[in-house]
Amino acid sequence: MSLKTEKDKLIATFFEKHPALVDKWAKSAPIIINTTVPWSPVAGNPAEGPVALVTTAGVHLKSQTPFDMVDSEGDSSFRVIPSSSSAKDLTITHNYYNHGDADADVNVVFPIERLNELCGEGTVGHVAPRHFSFMGHIEGGHLAKLLEQTAPTVAAELKKDGVRAVFLTPA
């Protein structure tokens, strides 16, 4: 494990033990208010589906390239996770939060099995063919790329899949 990875994990553990410092740090973080995207009311019942998952927990297939944990500004790329994937196919690459519980059960941050259960019960009409994952630590120059390229690309892919509802799961 690299020195940077160890440092990132140490900082995540420190913040976990001192939540008041997280609040103070969060208040100093830049807030982006999007004023260009118009509000669009939902047409029909979104639970009829398809329903997709989008996460910032750094989840990806074990066979996929991990998110970049070396770049201090994060990684603005995304990973596509087929809905046919099982929890055992997934892993997490993200040093900026303690994901011990999620390592034990990825459904904590990426509820793929719970979504499939909702579909089986009829609560959700059907599950989208694929889900999308980001790494939640993105800042500096990567933030512009995320807003101008990556997020619109994922939004277009969700639209192509006919997705009517998305469960957003932060970490």
N, C-alpha and C. Protein backbone atom coordinates (compact mmCIF):
# COMPACT_ATOMS: atom_id res chain seq x y z
N MET A 1 0.84 -1.17 0.00
CA MET A 1 0.00 0.00 0.00
C MET A 1 0.90 1.24 0.00
N SER A 2 0.52 2.25 -0.81
CA SER A 2 1.35 3.44 -0.93
C SER A 2 1.22 4.34 0.30
N LEU A 3 2.16 5.23 0.45
CA LEU A 3 2.14 6.18 1.56
C LEU A 3 0.90 7.07 1.46
N LYS A 4 0.54 7.49 0.23
CA LYS A 4 -0.64 8.33 0.03
C LYS A 4 -1.90 7.58 0.45
N THR A 5 -2.02 6.32 0.09
CA THR A 5 -3.19 5.52 0.47
C THR A 5 -3.30 5.44 1.99
N GLU A 6 -2.19 5.18 2.64
CA GLU A 6 -2.18 5.12 4.10
C GLU A 6 -2.60 6.45 4.71
N LYS A 7 -2.08 7.55 4.14
CA LYS A 7 -2.43 8.89 4.64
C LYS A 7 -3.93 9.14 4.46
N ASP A 8 -4.46 8.83 3.27
CA ASP A 8 -5.89 9.04 3.00
C ASP A 8 -6.75 8.26 3.99
N LYS A 9 -6.39 7.02 4.24
CA LYS A 9 -7.16 6.20 5.17
C LYS A 9 -7.05 6.72 6.60
N LEU A 10 -5.90 7.22 6.97
CA LEU A 10 -5.71 7.80 8.30
C LEU A 10 -6.59 9.04 8.46
N ILE A 11 -6.64 9.89 7.45
CA ILE A 11 -7.48 11.09 7.50
C ILE A 11 -8.96 10.69 7.58
N ALA A 12 -9.37 9.70 6.80
CA ALA A 12 -10.77 9.23 6.84
C ALA A 12 -11.12 8.71 8.23
N THR A 13 -10.22 7.96 8.84
CA THR A 13 -10.45 7.44 10.19
C THR A 13 -10.52 8.58 11.21
N PHE A 14 -9.64 9.58 11.06
CA PHE A 14 -9.64 10.73 11.95
C PHE A 14 -10.98 11.47 11.88
N PHE A 15 -11.46 11.75 10.65
CA PHE A 15 -12.74 12.43 10.48
C PHE A 15 -13.90 11.60 11.02
N GLU A 16 -13.80 10.28 10.89
CA GLU A 16 -14.86 9.42 11.41
C GLU A 16 -14.97 9.55 12.93
N LYS A 17 -13.82 9.72 13.58
CA LYS A 17 -13.81 9.82 15.05
C LYS A 17 -14.09 11.23 15.54
N HIS A 18 -14.03 12.22 14.64
CA HIS A 18 -14.25 13.62 15.01
C HIS A 18 -15.22 14.28 14.02
N PRO A 19 -16.50 13.90 14.09
CA PRO A 19 -17.48 14.40 13.11
C PRO A 19 -17.64 15.92 13.12
N ALA A 20 -17.38 16.58 14.22
CA ALA A 20 -17.49 18.04 14.24
C ALA A 20 -16.49 18.68 13.27
N LEU A 21 -15.33 18.05 13.12
CA LEU A 21 -14.34 18.56 12.17
C LEU A 21 -14.80 18.36 10.74
N VAL A 22 -15.56 17.30 10.49
CA VAL A 22 -16.12 17.08 9.16
C VAL A 22 -17.07 18.22 8.82
N ASP A 23 -17.93 18.58 9.78
CA ASP A 23 -18.87 19.67 9.56
C ASP A 23 -18.13 20.97 9.25
N LYS A 24 -17.08 21.24 10.01
CA LYS A 24 -16.30 22.47 9.79
C LYS A 24 -15.64 22.44 8.41
N TRP A 25 -15.07 21.31 8.05
CA TRP A 25 -14.43 21.18 6.74
C TRP A 25 -15.47 21.33 5.63
N ALA A 26 -16.63 20.71 5.79
CA ALA A 26 -17.67 20.76 4.76
C ALA A 26 -18.16 22.19 4.55
N LYS A 27 -18.23 22.98 5.61
CA LYS A 27 -18.68 24.37 5.48
C LYS A 27 -17.68 25.21 4.69
N SER A 28 -16.43 24.79 4.65
CA SER A 28 -15.42 25.54 3.90
C SER A 28 -15.32 25.07 2.45
N ALA A 29 -15.98 23.96 2.13
CA ALA A 29 -15.92 23.42 0.76
C ALA A 29 -16.78 24.26 -0.16
N PRO A 30 -16.34 24.41 -1.42
CA PRO A 30 -17.14 25.20 -2.35
C PRO A 30 -18.46 24.51 -2.66
N ILE A 31 -19.51 25.29 -2.76
CA ILE A 31 -20.83 24.76 -3.11
C ILE A 31 -21.17 25.28 -4.49
N ILE A 32 -21.53 24.39 -5.37
CA ILE A 32 -21.89 24.76 -6.73
C ILE A 32 -23.40 24.72 -6.85
N ILE A 33 -23.97 25.82 -7.25
CA ILE A 33 -25.41 25.89 -7.46
C ILE A 33 -25.66 25.91 -8.95
N ASN A 34 -26.36 24.91 -9.42
CA ASN A 34 -26.64 24.81 -10.84
C ASN A 34 -27.92 25.58 -11.14
N THR A 35 -27.78 26.63 -11.94
CA THR A 35 -28.94 27.45 -12.30
C THR A 35 -29.33 27.28 -13.76
N THR A 36 -28.66 26.37 -14.46
CA THR A 36 -28.92 26.24 -15.90
C THR A 36 -29.79 25.04 -16.26
N VAL A 37 -29.96 24.10 -15.34
CA VAL A 37 -30.77 22.92 -15.64
C VAL A 37 -32.20 23.19 -15.23
N PRO A 38 -33.13 23.15 -16.18
CA PRO A 38 -34.52 23.44 -15.82
C PRO A 38 -35.15 22.29 -15.06
N TRP A 39 -36.10 22.62 -14.18
CA TRP A 39 -36.85 21.59 -13.45
C TRP A 39 -37.78 20.92 -14.44
N SER A 40 -37.85 19.63 -14.36
CA SER A 40 -38.76 18.88 -15.23
C SER A 40 -39.55 17.92 -14.37
N PRO A 41 -40.86 18.07 -14.32
CA PRO A 41 -41.66 17.17 -13.50
C PRO A 41 -41.64 15.75 -14.05
N VAL A 42 -41.79 14.80 -13.16
CA VAL A 42 -41.79 13.40 -13.53
C VAL A 42 -43.09 13.08 -14.26
N ALA A 43 -42.98 12.37 -15.36
CA ALA A 43 -44.17 11.94 -16.11
C ALA A 43 -44.45 10.48 -15.76
N GLY A 44 -45.64 10.19 -15.30
CA GLY A 44 -46.00 8.82 -14.97
C GLY A 44 -45.42 8.40 -13.63
N ASN A 45 -45.43 7.11 -13.39
CA ASN A 45 -44.96 6.54 -12.13
C ASN A 45 -43.52 6.09 -12.28
N PRO A 46 -42.55 6.78 -11.64
CA PRO A 46 -41.14 6.39 -11.80
C PRO A 46 -40.85 4.99 -11.29
N ALA A 47 -41.65 4.48 -10.36
CA ALA A 47 -41.41 3.14 -9.82
C ALA A 47 -41.68 2.06 -10.86
N GLU A 48 -42.37 2.42 -11.95
CA GLU A 48 -42.60 1.43 -13.00
C GLU A 48 -41.30 1.06 -13.71
N GLY A 49 -40.33 1.93 -13.60
CA GLY A 49 -39.01 1.65 -14.14
C GLY A 49 -38.86 2.03 -15.59
N PRO A 50 -37.66 1.77 -16.05
CA PRO A 50 -36.56 1.17 -15.30
C PRO A 50 -35.97 2.10 -14.23
N VAL A 51 -35.45 1.46 -13.20
CA VAL A 51 -34.83 2.15 -12.08
C VAL A 51 -33.35 1.77 -12.06
N ALA A 52 -32.48 2.77 -11.87
CA ALA A 52 -31.03 2.53 -11.86
C ALA A 52 -30.42 3.02 -10.55
N LEU A 53 -29.22 2.56 -10.29
CA LEU A 53 -28.42 3.04 -9.16
C LEU A 53 -27.29 3.92 -9.70
N VAL A 54 -27.02 5.01 -9.02
CA VAL A 54 -25.85 5.85 -9.29
C VAL A 54 -25.22 6.12 -7.94
N THR A 55 -23.94 5.83 -7.82
CA THR A 55 -23.26 5.97 -6.54
C THR A 55 -21.98 6.79 -6.67
N THR A 56 -21.58 7.39 -5.56
CA THR A 56 -20.28 8.06 -5.48
C THR A 56 -19.38 7.33 -4.49
N ALA A 57 -19.65 6.05 -4.31
CA ALA A 57 -18.92 5.26 -3.31
C ALA A 57 -17.66 4.60 -3.86
N GLY A 58 -17.37 4.79 -5.13
CA GLY A 58 -16.17 4.17 -5.70
C GLY A 58 -16.32 2.68 -5.95
N VAL A 59 -17.55 2.23 -6.15
CA VAL A 59 -17.83 0.82 -6.41
C VAL A 59 -17.54 0.51 -7.88
N HIS A 60 -16.99 -0.65 -8.14
CA HIS A 60 -16.78 -1.09 -9.53
C HIS A 60 -16.62 -2.61 -9.56
N LEU A 61 -16.73 -3.15 -10.74
CA LEU A 61 -16.49 -4.58 -10.90
C LEU A 61 -15.03 -4.87 -10.59
N LYS A 62 -14.77 -6.01 -10.01
CA LYS A 62 -13.38 -6.39 -9.71
C LYS A 62 -12.54 -6.44 -10.97
N SER A 63 -13.18 -6.71 -12.10
CA SER A 63 -12.47 -6.81 -13.38
C SER A 63 -12.19 -5.45 -14.02
N GLN A 64 -12.76 -4.37 -13.49
CA GLN A 64 -12.57 -3.05 -14.06
C GLN A 64 -11.36 -2.35 -13.46
N THR A 65 -10.85 -1.36 -14.18
CA THR A 65 -9.77 -0.54 -13.67
C THR A 65 -10.24 0.21 -12.43
N PRO A 66 -9.48 0.16 -11.34
CA PRO A 66 -9.88 0.88 -10.13
C PRO A 66 -9.89 2.39 -10.37
N PHE A 67 -10.59 3.12 -9.53
CA PHE A 67 -10.55 4.58 -9.59
C PHE A 67 -9.15 5.03 -9.19
N ASP A 68 -8.72 6.18 -9.72
CA ASP A 68 -7.38 6.71 -9.48
C ASP A 68 -7.30 7.30 -8.07
N MET A 69 -6.55 6.67 -7.22
CA MET A 69 -6.39 7.15 -5.85
C MET A 69 -5.06 7.89 -5.67
N VAL A 70 -4.29 8.04 -6.74
CA VAL A 70 -3.01 8.73 -6.65
C VAL A 70 -3.20 10.23 -6.86
N ASP A 71 -4.08 10.60 -7.78
CA ASP A 71 -4.34 12.00 -8.09
C ASP A 71 -5.06 12.66 -6.91
N SER A 72 -4.47 13.68 -6.32
CA SER A 72 -5.05 14.32 -5.14
C SER A 72 -6.36 15.04 -5.44
N GLU A 73 -6.66 15.31 -6.71
CA GLU A 73 -7.92 15.95 -7.09
C GLU A 73 -9.01 14.93 -7.39
N GLY A 74 -8.69 13.66 -7.25
CA GLY A 74 -9.69 12.61 -7.45
C GLY A 74 -9.70 12.05 -8.86
N ASP A 75 -10.83 11.47 -9.23
CA ASP A 75 -10.99 10.79 -10.51
C ASP A 75 -12.40 11.10 -11.01
N SER A 76 -12.50 11.80 -12.13
CA SER A 76 -13.81 12.21 -12.64
C SER A 76 -14.42 11.21 -13.61
N SER A 77 -13.83 10.04 -13.72
CA SER A 77 -14.38 9.02 -14.61
C SER A 77 -15.52 8.28 -13.92
N PHE A 78 -16.14 7.38 -14.65
CA PHE A 78 -17.22 6.57 -14.08
C PHE A 78 -17.04 5.13 -14.52
N ARG A 79 -17.73 4.24 -13.84
CA ARG A 79 -17.73 2.82 -14.19
C ARG A 79 -19.17 2.39 -14.44
N VAL A 80 -19.36 1.57 -15.45
CA VAL A 80 -20.67 0.99 -15.75
C VAL A 80 -20.74 -0.37 -15.06
N ILE A 81 -21.81 -0.59 -14.34
CA ILE A 81 -22.01 -1.87 -13.64
C ILE A 81 -23.29 -2.50 -14.19
N PRO A 82 -23.16 -3.60 -14.92
CA PRO A 82 -24.36 -4.26 -15.45
C PRO A 82 -25.29 -4.70 -14.32
N SER A 83 -26.58 -4.60 -14.55
CA SER A 83 -27.53 -4.97 -13.50
C SER A 83 -27.49 -6.45 -13.19
N SER A 84 -26.91 -7.23 -14.08
CA SER A 84 -26.79 -8.67 -13.84
C SER A 84 -25.65 -9.00 -12.88
N SER A 85 -24.88 -7.98 -12.47
CA SER A 85 -23.75 -8.20 -11.55
C SER A 85 -24.26 -8.58 -10.18
N SER A 86 -23.49 -9.42 -9.51
CA SER A 86 -23.84 -9.76 -8.12
C SER A 86 -22.88 -9.01 -7.19
N ALA A 87 -23.25 -8.93 -5.95
CA ALA A 87 -22.43 -8.23 -4.96
C ALA A 87 -21.02 -8.80 -4.91
N LYS A 88 -20.87 -10.10 -5.12
CA LYS A 88 -19.53 -10.71 -5.04
C LYS A 88 -18.63 -10.30 -6.22
N ASP A 89 -19.23 -9.72 -7.27
CA ASP A 89 -18.46 -9.24 -8.43
C ASP A 89 -17.87 -7.86 -8.20
N LEU A 90 -18.26 -7.21 -7.10
CA LEU A 90 -17.95 -5.79 -6.89
C LEU A 90 -16.87 -5.58 -5.84
N THR A 91 -16.20 -4.45 -5.96
CA THR A 91 -15.21 -4.01 -4.98
C THR A 91 -15.29 -2.50 -4.88
N ILE A 92 -14.56 -1.92 -3.94
CA ILE A 92 -14.57 -0.48 -3.74
C ILE A 92 -13.14 0.04 -3.79
N THR A 93 -12.94 1.07 -4.60
CA THR A 93 -11.66 1.78 -4.61
C THR A 93 -11.97 3.22 -4.26
N HIS A 94 -11.75 3.58 -3.02
CA HIS A 94 -12.03 4.93 -2.53
C HIS A 94 -11.39 5.06 -1.16
N ASN A 95 -10.41 5.95 -1.02
CA ASN A 95 -9.69 6.08 0.24
C ASN A 95 -10.24 7.17 1.14
N TYR A 96 -11.28 7.87 0.71
CA TYR A 96 -11.71 9.05 1.44
C TYR A 96 -12.88 8.81 2.38
N TYR A 97 -13.22 7.57 2.62
CA TYR A 97 -14.18 7.24 3.67
C TYR A 97 -13.88 5.82 4.14
N ASN A 98 -14.33 5.52 5.33
CA ASN A 98 -14.14 4.18 5.89
C ASN A 98 -15.22 3.28 5.31
N HIS A 99 -14.84 2.38 4.42
CA HIS A 99 -15.82 1.50 3.79
C HIS A 99 -15.73 0.06 4.30
N GLY A 100 -15.33 -0.08 5.54
CA GLY A 100 -15.26 -1.42 6.14
C GLY A 100 -16.60 -2.15 6.10
N ASP A 101 -17.68 -1.45 6.49
CA ASP A 101 -19.00 -2.08 6.45
C ASP A 101 -19.41 -2.39 5.02
N ALA A 102 -19.12 -1.48 4.10
CA ALA A 102 -19.46 -1.70 2.70
C ALA A 102 -18.63 -2.83 2.09
N ASP A 103 -17.40 -3.00 2.56
CA ASP A 103 -16.59 -4.13 2.09
C ASP A 103 -17.23 -5.45 2.51
N ALA A 104 -17.82 -5.45 3.69
CA ALA A 104 -18.50 -6.66 4.18
C ALA A 104 -19.81 -6.90 3.43
N ASP A 105 -20.52 -5.82 3.07
CA ASP A 105 -21.77 -5.92 2.32
C ASP A 105 -21.92 -4.67 1.47
N VAL A 106 -21.58 -4.79 0.20
CA VAL A 106 -21.59 -3.65 -0.71
C VAL A 106 -22.96 -3.00 -0.82
N ASN A 107 -24.01 -3.72 -0.45
CA ASN A 107 -25.37 -3.17 -0.50
C ASN A 107 -25.54 -1.97 0.43
N VAL A 108 -24.63 -1.78 1.38
CA VAL A 108 -24.66 -0.64 2.27
C VAL A 108 -24.55 0.66 1.46
N VAL A 109 -23.73 0.66 0.42
CA VAL A 109 -23.53 1.86 -0.41
C VAL A 109 -24.02 1.68 -1.84
N PHE A 110 -24.23 0.47 -2.26
CA PHE A 110 -24.68 0.18 -3.62
C PHE A 110 -25.69 -0.96 -3.55
N PRO A 111 -26.95 -0.64 -3.25
CA PRO A 111 -27.94 -1.67 -2.93
C PRO A 111 -28.47 -2.44 -4.14
N ILE A 112 -27.58 -3.07 -4.85
CA ILE A 112 -27.96 -3.80 -6.07
C ILE A 112 -28.87 -4.99 -5.76
N GLU A 113 -28.57 -5.71 -4.70
CA GLU A 113 -29.41 -6.85 -4.34
C GLU A 113 -30.76 -6.39 -3.80
N ARG A 114 -30.76 -5.29 -3.03
CA ARG A 114 -32.03 -4.77 -2.50
C ARG A 114 -32.92 -4.26 -3.63
N LEU A 115 -32.33 -3.62 -4.64
CA LEU A 115 -33.12 -3.15 -5.79
C LEU A 115 -33.74 -4.33 -6.54
N ASN A 116 -32.96 -5.38 -6.72
CA ASN A 116 -33.50 -6.57 -7.39
C ASN A 116 -34.62 -7.20 -6.57
N GLU A 117 -34.51 -7.17 -5.23
CA GLU A 117 -35.58 -7.68 -4.37
C GLU A 117 -36.84 -6.84 -4.52
N LEU A 118 -36.70 -5.51 -4.58
CA LEU A 118 -37.85 -4.64 -4.78
C LEU A 118 -38.55 -4.94 -6.11
N CYS A 119 -37.75 -5.24 -7.10
CA CYS A 119 -38.32 -5.60 -8.40
C CYS A 119 -39.07 -6.93 -8.28
N GLY A 120 -38.48 -7.89 -7.61
CA GLY A 120 -39.11 -9.20 -7.43
C GLY A 120 -40.41 -9.12 -6.66
N GLU A 121 -40.49 -8.16 -5.73
CA GLU A 121 -41.72 -7.97 -4.94
C GLU A 121 -42.78 -7.17 -5.69
N GLY A 122 -42.38 -6.57 -6.81
CA GLY A 122 -43.31 -5.74 -7.57
C GLY A 122 -43.36 -4.30 -7.12
N THR A 123 -42.51 -3.91 -6.15
CA THR A 123 -42.46 -2.52 -5.70
C THR A 123 -41.88 -1.63 -6.79
N VAL A 124 -40.92 -2.19 -7.52
CA VAL A 124 -40.29 -1.52 -8.66
C VAL A 124 -40.62 -2.34 -9.90
N GLY A 125 -41.05 -1.66 -10.96
CA GLY A 125 -41.43 -2.36 -12.19
C GLY A 125 -40.31 -3.20 -12.77
N HIS A 126 -39.19 -2.57 -13.08
CA HIS A 126 -38.02 -3.32 -13.52
C HIS A 126 -36.75 -2.50 -13.33
N VAL A 127 -35.65 -3.22 -13.30
CA VAL A 127 -34.34 -2.63 -13.05
C VAL A 127 -33.70 -2.29 -14.39
N ALA A 128 -33.03 -1.14 -14.44
CA ALA A 128 -32.32 -0.72 -15.65
C ALA A 128 -31.24 -1.75 -16.00
N PRO A 129 -30.84 -1.80 -17.26
CA PRO A 129 -29.83 -2.79 -17.64
C PRO A 129 -28.44 -2.53 -17.06
N ARG A 130 -28.21 -1.29 -16.61
CA ARG A 130 -26.89 -0.96 -16.06
C ARG A 130 -27.00 0.16 -15.06
N HIS A 131 -26.00 0.21 -14.20
CA HIS A 131 -25.90 1.22 -13.15
C HIS A 131 -24.56 1.93 -13.34
N PHE A 132 -24.37 3.05 -12.61
CA PHE A 132 -23.17 3.86 -12.80
C PHE A 132 -22.54 4.23 -11.46
N SER A 133 -21.22 4.25 -11.45
CA SER A 133 -20.48 4.53 -10.23
C SER A 133 -19.41 5.59 -10.47
N PHE A 134 -19.30 6.48 -9.51
CA PHE A 134 -18.27 7.52 -9.50
C PHE A 134 -17.47 7.38 -8.22
N MET A 135 -16.34 8.08 -8.17
CA MET A 135 -15.61 8.23 -6.93
C MET A 135 -16.00 9.60 -6.39
N GLY A 136 -16.45 9.70 -5.19
CA GLY A 136 -17.00 10.93 -4.66
C GLY A 136 -16.01 12.04 -4.38
N HIS A 137 -14.75 11.76 -4.33
CA HIS A 137 -13.75 12.80 -4.06
C HIS A 137 -13.28 13.37 -5.40
N ILE A 138 -13.87 14.50 -5.80
CA ILE A 138 -13.49 15.12 -7.06
C ILE A 138 -13.42 16.63 -6.82
N GLU A 139 -12.29 17.22 -7.13
CA GLU A 139 -12.13 18.66 -6.94
C GLU A 139 -11.17 19.23 -7.96
N GLY A 140 -10.88 20.52 -7.86
CA GLY A 140 -9.95 21.16 -8.77
C GLY A 140 -10.39 21.06 -10.21
N GLY A 141 -9.44 20.82 -11.09
CA GLY A 141 -9.71 20.72 -12.52
C GLY A 141 -10.63 19.58 -12.89
N HIS A 142 -10.66 18.55 -12.08
CA HIS A 142 -11.52 17.40 -12.38
C HIS A 142 -13.00 17.72 -12.18
N LEU A 143 -13.28 18.71 -11.35
CA LEU A 143 -14.67 19.09 -11.10
C LEU A 143 -15.32 19.63 -12.38
N ALA A 144 -14.60 20.46 -13.11
CA ALA A 144 -15.13 20.99 -14.38
C ALA A 144 -15.38 19.85 -15.37
N LYS A 145 -14.45 18.90 -15.44
CA LYS A 145 -14.64 17.76 -16.35
C LYS A 145 -15.86 16.95 -15.95
N LEU A 146 -16.04 16.75 -14.64
CA LEU A 146 -17.20 16.01 -14.15
C LEU A 146 -18.50 16.71 -14.58
N LEU A 147 -18.57 18.02 -14.36
CA LEU A 147 -19.78 18.77 -14.65
C LEU A 147 -20.05 18.94 -16.14
N GLU A 148 -18.99 19.10 -16.93
CA GLU A 148 -19.15 19.41 -18.35
C GLU A 148 -19.13 18.17 -19.25
N GLN A 149 -18.51 17.09 -18.81
CA GLN A 149 -18.38 15.92 -19.67
C GLN A 149 -18.95 14.64 -19.05
N THR A 150 -18.39 14.26 -17.91
CA THR A 150 -18.73 12.96 -17.34
C THR A 150 -20.20 12.85 -16.94
N ALA A 151 -20.69 13.79 -16.15
CA ALA A 151 -22.09 13.73 -15.70
C ALA A 151 -23.07 13.79 -16.88
N PRO A 152 -22.87 14.69 -17.85
CA PRO A 152 -23.78 14.68 -19.00
C PRO A 152 -23.72 13.38 -19.80
N THR A 153 -22.57 12.76 -19.87
CA THR A 153 -22.45 11.47 -20.56
C THR A 153 -23.28 10.41 -19.85
N VAL A 154 -23.15 10.33 -18.53
CA VAL A 154 -23.91 9.35 -17.76
C VAL A 154 -25.41 9.65 -17.86
N ALA A 155 -25.78 10.93 -17.78
CA ALA A 155 -27.20 11.29 -17.91
C ALA A 155 -27.74 10.84 -19.27
N ALA A 156 -26.97 11.01 -20.33
CA ALA A 156 -27.41 10.58 -21.66
C ALA A 156 -27.55 9.06 -21.73
N GLU A 157 -26.64 8.33 -21.07
CA GLU A 157 -26.72 6.86 -21.06
C GLU A 157 -27.95 6.39 -20.28
N LEU A 158 -28.24 7.06 -19.16
CA LEU A 158 -29.44 6.71 -18.40
C LEU A 158 -30.69 6.97 -19.24
N LYS A 159 -30.68 8.08 -19.95
CA LYS A 159 -31.82 8.40 -20.82
C LYS A 159 -31.95 7.37 -21.94
N LYS A 160 -30.81 6.95 -22.50
CA LYS A 160 -30.82 5.93 -23.56
C LYS A 160 -31.43 4.63 -23.05
N ASP A 161 -31.19 4.32 -21.77
CA ASP A 161 -31.74 3.11 -21.16
C ASP A 161 -33.21 3.29 -20.74
N GLY A 162 -33.74 4.50 -20.94
CA GLY A 162 -35.14 4.77 -20.59
C GLY A 162 -35.39 4.87 -19.10
N VAL A 163 -34.34 5.14 -18.33
CA VAL A 163 -34.46 5.18 -16.87
C VAL A 163 -35.43 6.28 -16.45
N ARG A 164 -36.35 5.90 -15.55
CA ARG A 164 -37.35 6.86 -15.04
C ARG A 164 -37.07 7.28 -13.62
N ALA A 165 -36.26 6.52 -12.90
CA ALA A 165 -35.91 6.86 -11.52
C ALA A 165 -34.52 6.34 -11.23
N VAL A 166 -33.80 7.10 -10.39
CA VAL A 166 -32.44 6.75 -10.01
C VAL A 166 -32.34 6.83 -8.49
N PHE A 167 -31.76 5.79 -7.88
CA PHE A 167 -31.39 5.85 -6.47
C PHE A 167 -29.96 6.35 -6.43
N LEU A 168 -29.74 7.53 -5.82
CA LEU A 168 -28.41 8.08 -5.67
C LEU A 168 -27.88 7.67 -4.30
N THR A 169 -26.72 7.04 -4.29
CA THR A 169 -26.16 6.57 -3.02
C THR A 169 -24.77 7.16 -2.81
N PRO A 170 -24.67 8.14 -1.91
CA PRO A 170 -23.36 8.71 -1.60
C PRO A 170 -22.62 7.82 -0.62
N ALA A 171 -21.38 8.15 -0.40
CA ALA A 171 -20.60 7.41 0.61
C ALA A 171 -19.75 8.40 1.38
